[in-house]
Amino acid sequence: MEIFVNPGELRQAARSGAFTGHTGGQAPGFVQGNVAILPAALADDFRVFCERNPKPCPLLAMSKAGDWSLPELGDGIDIRTDVPRYRVYRDGEQTDTRDDLQTVWHEDLVTFVLGCSFSFEEALVEAGLHLRHVDENRTVPMYRTNIATQESGAFGGGMVVSMRPFAPEDAERAREITARFPRVHGAPIHVGEPAAIGIDDIARPDFGSAVTIQPDEVPVFWACGVTPQVAIEQARPALCITHEPGAMLVTDLRNEDFASGA
């Protein structure tokens, strides 16, 4: 698979249909974002939901109704075309997966872009820590939990977490590193026993793929950007559009600028 260094070139490839894959490892050094697009009537409630739950829903940008550009995230972004793959939901049920939104876009839609763990994963790798899902060429495992989010209007439900296993000493290093990235999920919310946060079977993630956990390792859980998708499922809007998991919006923002103290 071709690796794009420049985020604008990657977006152009998505726009033309030449790139429809996962964006992990693409445009190293640049922030990638989760996407949620909702009718304007629900936009304020969803914005407040994100503000009340900043760990799983770190809001990077919110568009005006009908505006497909996001100038604060990158030059020339067109949210209708620049994500490699989209999911379309109607009344809370996924009805379609598509490469662009040209035929479903209308002037009542508001776009939200939320921070993604790809930013802190890059910092973990640079520190010499191995990510099991990367080593095994899998999507990071994600789980529904019993941790309640703070509701806003119709949006609520349980938090979703992503998991990466580490030896105990590396888990502490991972905590210290990711704590420097509060705008992209920040430090872990739980380390150790999965049942303590409502996960019955660590080998069966609700999203993504299971990964190997060695006997001397502990699972480390971070708040996950799938949480707002679960909240949207609960709200059951007439129309909602998200990115295909792993196929994110790649922005012109730099990960290094998101580290605390930057």
Protein backbone atom coordinates (compact mmCIF):
# COMPACT_ATOMS: atom_id res chain seq x y z
CA MET A 1 0.00 0.00 0.00
CA GLU A 2 1.28 3.43 -0.89
CA ILE A 3 2.20 5.60 2.08
CA PHE A 4 1.27 9.25 1.69
CA VAL A 5 3.52 11.73 3.49
CA ASN A 6 1.47 14.82 2.71
CA PRO A 7 -2.08 14.91 4.18
CA GLY A 8 -3.38 17.05 1.30
CA GLU A 9 -2.22 14.45 -1.22
CA LEU A 10 -3.92 11.70 0.78
CA ARG A 11 -7.17 13.67 0.83
CA GLN A 12 -6.92 14.19 -2.93
CA ALA A 13 -6.43 10.45 -3.39
CA ALA A 14 -9.54 9.79 -1.28
CA ARG A 15 -11.45 12.42 -3.26
CA SER A 16 -10.58 10.77 -6.58
CA GLY A 17 -11.36 7.28 -5.31
CA ALA A 18 -7.73 6.17 -5.64
CA PHE A 19 -7.46 5.61 -1.88
CA THR A 20 -10.29 3.88 0.03
CA GLY A 21 -8.31 2.09 2.74
CA HIS A 22 -7.44 2.57 6.39
CA THR A 23 -5.42 5.67 7.27
CA GLY A 24 -3.33 4.16 10.07
CA GLY A 25 0.32 4.88 9.30
CA GLN A 26 -0.57 7.44 6.63
CA ALA A 27 0.71 11.04 6.77
CA PRO A 28 2.97 10.46 9.78
CA GLY A 29 3.03 13.37 12.17
CA PHE A 30 -0.42 14.69 11.27
CA VAL A 31 -3.62 14.56 13.32
CA GLN A 32 -6.39 12.25 12.13
CA GLY A 33 -10.00 12.72 13.16
CA ASN A 34 -13.17 10.74 13.77
CA VAL A 35 -16.11 12.12 11.78
CA ALA A 36 -19.78 12.44 12.72
CA ILE A 37 -22.26 14.31 10.51
CA LEU A 38 -25.74 15.05 11.88
CA PRO A 39 -28.85 17.07 11.09
CA ALA A 40 -28.65 20.65 12.35
CA ALA A 41 -31.54 20.14 14.78
CA LEU A 42 -29.36 17.73 16.80
CA ALA A 43 -26.09 19.60 16.48
CA ASP A 44 -26.23 21.61 19.70
CA ASP A 45 -27.11 18.57 21.80
CA PHE A 46 -24.26 16.59 20.25
CA ARG A 47 -21.83 19.47 20.79
CA VAL A 48 -22.78 19.57 24.47
CA PHE A 49 -22.43 15.77 24.66
CA CYS A 50 -18.85 16.13 23.41
CA GLU A 51 -18.12 18.96 25.84
CA ARG A 52 -19.45 16.89 28.75
CA ASN A 53 -17.40 13.83 27.73
CA PRO A 54 -14.05 15.20 26.55
CA LYS A 55 -12.05 12.00 27.13
CA PRO A 56 -13.91 9.86 24.56
CA CYS A 57 -15.20 12.80 22.49
CA PRO A 58 -12.42 15.41 22.13
CA LEU A 59 -13.98 17.93 19.76
CA LEU A 60 -11.56 19.36 17.19
CA ALA A 61 -13.97 21.15 14.87
CA MET A 62 -17.69 21.77 14.21
CA SER A 63 -18.93 23.14 10.91
CA LYS A 64 -21.80 25.46 10.16
CA ALA A 65 -24.90 23.80 8.72
CA GLY A 66 -24.38 22.87 5.09
CA ASP A 67 -20.71 23.88 5.06
CA TRP A 68 -18.54 21.02 3.81
CA SER A 69 -15.24 22.88 4.36
CA LEU A 70 -13.24 22.71 7.59
CA PRO A 71 -10.60 25.44 7.14
CA GLU A 72 -9.37 25.17 10.73
CA LEU A 73 -8.31 21.58 10.00
CA GLY A 74 -6.78 21.88 6.55
CA ASP A 75 -6.56 23.75 3.30
CA GLY A 76 -9.29 22.83 0.83
CA ILE A 77 -10.91 20.05 2.87
CA ASP A 78 -14.22 18.82 1.44
CA ILE A 79 -15.87 16.56 4.01
CA ARG A 80 -18.11 15.10 1.30
CA THR A 81 -15.19 13.46 -0.49
CA ASP A 82 -11.98 13.55 1.56
CA VAL A 83 -12.64 10.63 3.94
CA PRO A 84 -11.67 7.29 2.33
CA ARG A 85 -14.89 5.49 3.35
CA TYR A 86 -18.15 6.58 4.98
CA ARG A 87 -20.97 4.82 6.80
CA VAL A 88 -24.53 6.09 6.41
CA TYR A 89 -27.10 5.45 9.15
CA ARG A 90 -30.84 6.03 8.99
CA ASP A 91 -32.93 5.87 12.16
CA GLY A 92 -29.92 4.41 13.97
CA GLU A 93 -29.31 1.55 11.54
CA GLN A 94 -26.42 1.37 9.09
CA THR A 95 -27.85 1.33 5.58
CA ASP A 96 -24.88 2.06 3.34
CA THR A 97 -21.12 2.28 2.99
CA ARG A 98 -19.79 4.63 0.34
CA ASP A 99 -16.72 6.39 -1.01
CA ASP A 100 -18.26 9.88 -1.08
CA LEU A 101 -21.34 11.80 0.07
CA GLN A 102 -22.18 13.73 -3.08
CA THR A 103 -25.65 12.22 -3.46
CA VAL A 104 -26.63 12.27 0.24
CA TRP A 105 -25.28 15.67 1.27
CA HIS A 106 -27.74 18.47 1.95
CA GLU A 107 -27.72 21.93 3.48
CA ASP A 108 -29.05 20.78 6.87
CA LEU A 109 -25.96 18.75 7.84
CA VAL A 110 -23.38 19.70 10.47
CA THR A 111 -19.95 18.05 10.62
CA PHE A 112 -18.09 17.19 13.82
CA VAL A 113 -14.45 16.05 13.86
CA LEU A 114 -13.14 14.43 17.01
CA GLY A 115 -9.58 13.59 18.09
CA CYS A 116 -8.20 10.13 17.41
CA SER A 117 -5.79 7.85 19.28
CA PHE A 118 -3.57 7.59 16.19
CA SER A 119 -1.95 10.79 17.48
CA PHE A 120 -0.80 9.35 20.78
CA GLU A 121 0.04 5.98 19.20
CA GLU A 122 2.68 7.73 17.14
CA ALA A 123 4.21 9.11 20.34
CA LEU A 124 4.18 5.63 21.93
CA VAL A 125 6.00 4.13 18.96
CA GLU A 126 8.55 6.95 18.95
CA ALA A 127 9.23 6.14 22.62
CA GLY A 128 10.06 2.55 21.65
CA LEU A 129 6.83 0.91 22.84
CA HIS A 130 5.35 -1.85 20.70
CA LEU A 131 1.64 -1.77 19.82
CA ARG A 132 0.31 -5.30 19.59
CA HIS A 133 -2.42 -4.54 17.07
CA VAL A 134 0.17 -2.96 14.78
CA ASP A 135 2.59 -5.88 15.19
CA GLU A 136 -0.23 -8.32 14.40
CA ASN A 137 -1.64 -6.16 11.57
CA ARG A 138 -5.05 -5.86 13.19
CA THR A 139 -7.46 -3.09 14.11
CA VAL A 140 -7.12 -2.05 17.76
CA PRO A 141 -9.65 -3.94 19.95
CA MET A 142 -12.50 -1.82 21.34
CA TYR A 143 -15.08 -2.68 23.99
CA ARG A 144 -18.36 -1.40 25.34
CA THR A 145 -18.14 -0.71 29.08
CA ASN A 146 -20.35 -0.01 32.09
CA ILE A 147 -18.87 3.49 32.38
CA ALA A 148 -21.75 5.89 31.79
CA THR A 149 -21.31 9.03 29.73
CA GLN A 150 -22.94 12.31 30.70
CA GLU A 151 -26.07 12.67 28.59
CA SER A 152 -27.12 15.57 26.41
CA GLY A 153 -30.56 15.47 24.85
CA ALA A 154 -30.96 12.11 23.11
CA PHE A 155 -27.23 11.36 23.26
CA GLY A 156 -25.86 9.10 26.00
CA GLY A 157 -25.00 5.49 26.75
CA GLY A 158 -21.86 3.70 27.84
CA MET A 159 -18.27 4.65 27.05
CA VAL A 160 -16.31 2.61 24.54
CA VAL A 161 -12.64 1.95 25.25
CA SER A 162 -9.69 0.81 23.17
CA MET A 163 -7.17 -1.64 24.63
CA ARG A 164 -3.42 -2.08 24.23
CA PRO A 165 -1.52 -4.66 26.32
CA PHE A 166 1.81 -3.79 27.94
CA ALA A 167 4.19 -5.15 30.53
CA PRO A 168 3.51 -3.27 33.81
CA GLU A 169 6.54 -1.00 33.50
CA ASP A 170 5.65 -0.13 29.90
CA ALA A 171 2.03 0.48 30.92
CA GLU A 172 3.25 3.23 33.25
CA ARG A 173 5.38 4.73 30.47
CA ALA A 174 2.36 4.61 28.16
CA ARG A 175 0.27 6.41 30.78
CA GLU A 176 2.86 9.16 31.15
CA ILE A 177 3.20 9.64 27.38
CA THR A 178 -0.50 9.68 26.53
CA ALA A 179 -1.30 12.02 29.43
CA ARG A 180 0.50 14.68 27.36
CA PHE A 181 -2.25 14.43 24.71
CA PRO A 182 -5.49 15.47 26.46
CA ARG A 183 -7.04 16.66 23.17
CA VAL A 184 -6.77 13.16 21.69
CA HIS A 185 -8.10 10.98 24.57
CA GLY A 186 -5.20 11.55 26.97
CA ALA A 187 -4.18 9.10 29.70
CA PRO A 188 -5.77 5.65 30.15
CA ILE A 189 -8.99 5.44 32.12
CA HIS A 190 -8.34 1.93 33.45
CA VAL A 191 -5.49 -0.56 33.79
CA GLY A 192 -5.93 -4.23 34.65
CA GLU A 193 -9.04 -6.30 35.34
CA PRO A 194 -11.48 -5.92 32.40
CA ALA A 195 -14.50 -7.01 34.45
CA ALA A 196 -14.11 -3.92 36.64
CA ILE A 197 -15.37 -1.80 33.72
CA GLY A 198 -17.96 -4.30 32.48
CA ILE A 199 -15.93 -6.26 29.92
CA ASP A 200 -16.85 -9.92 30.27
CA ASP A 201 -14.53 -11.44 27.66
CA ILE A 202 -11.35 -9.62 26.64
CA ALA A 203 -10.93 -12.07 23.75
CA ARG A 204 -14.16 -10.88 22.14
CA PRO A 205 -14.01 -7.13 21.43
CA ASP A 206 -17.18 -5.34 20.35
CA PHE A 207 -15.27 -3.50 17.63
CA GLY A 208 -11.91 -4.11 15.97
CA SER A 209 -9.94 -7.33 16.37
CA ALA A 210 -8.71 -9.40 19.31
CA VAL A 211 -4.97 -9.29 19.96
CA THR A 212 -2.58 -11.48 21.91
CA ILE A 213 -2.08 -10.63 25.59
CA GLN A 214 1.01 -12.29 27.04
CA PRO A 215 0.90 -13.76 30.60
CA ASP A 216 3.19 -11.01 31.92
CA GLU A 217 1.15 -8.18 30.38
CA VAL A 218 -1.76 -6.07 31.62
CA PRO A 219 -4.54 -4.64 29.42
CA VAL A 220 -4.53 -0.84 29.32
CA PHE A 221 -7.75 0.91 28.35
CA TRP A 222 -8.21 4.36 26.81
CA ALA A 223 -11.41 6.28 26.16
CA CYS A 224 -12.30 5.69 22.52
CA GLY A 225 -13.75 7.75 19.68
CA VAL A 226 -16.30 5.04 18.92
CA THR A 227 -18.18 6.30 21.99
CA PRO A 228 -20.00 9.06 20.04
CA GLN A 229 -21.04 6.51 17.41
CA VAL A 230 -22.69 4.45 20.16
CA ALA A 231 -24.37 7.61 21.46
CA ILE A 232 -25.66 8.31 17.95
CA GLU A 233 -27.01 4.76 17.70
CA GLN A 234 -28.95 5.41 20.91
CA ALA A 235 -30.30 8.75 19.63
CA ARG A 236 -31.42 7.15 16.34
CA PRO A 237 -31.32 10.30 14.18
CA ALA A 238 -33.13 10.17 10.85
CA LEU A 239 -29.75 10.52 9.14
CA CYS A 240 -26.19 10.25 10.39
CA ILE A 241 -22.88 9.80 8.57
CA THR A 242 -19.61 8.64 10.09
CA HIS A 243 -16.23 7.50 8.82
CA GLU A 244 -15.66 3.80 8.27
CA PRO A 245 -13.69 2.67 11.37
CA GLY A 246 -10.00 3.14 10.68
CA ALA A 247 -10.62 5.33 7.61
CA MET A 248 -10.25 8.75 9.16
CA LEU A 249 -10.13 12.36 8.03
CA VAL A 250 -6.42 13.27 7.83
CA THR A 251 -5.89 16.92 8.76
CA ASP A 252 -3.08 19.44 8.33
CA LEU A 253 -2.70 19.76 12.12
CA ARG A 254 0.47 18.31 13.61
CA ASN A 255 0.50 15.78 16.44
CA GLU A 256 3.40 17.59 18.12
CA ASP A 257 1.20 20.67 18.53
CA PHE A 258 -1.32 18.61 20.50
CA ALA A 259 1.14 17.59 23.21
CA SER A 260 0.65 19.48 26.47
CA GLY A 261 3.14 22.29 26.76
CA ALA A 262 3.40 22.65 22.98
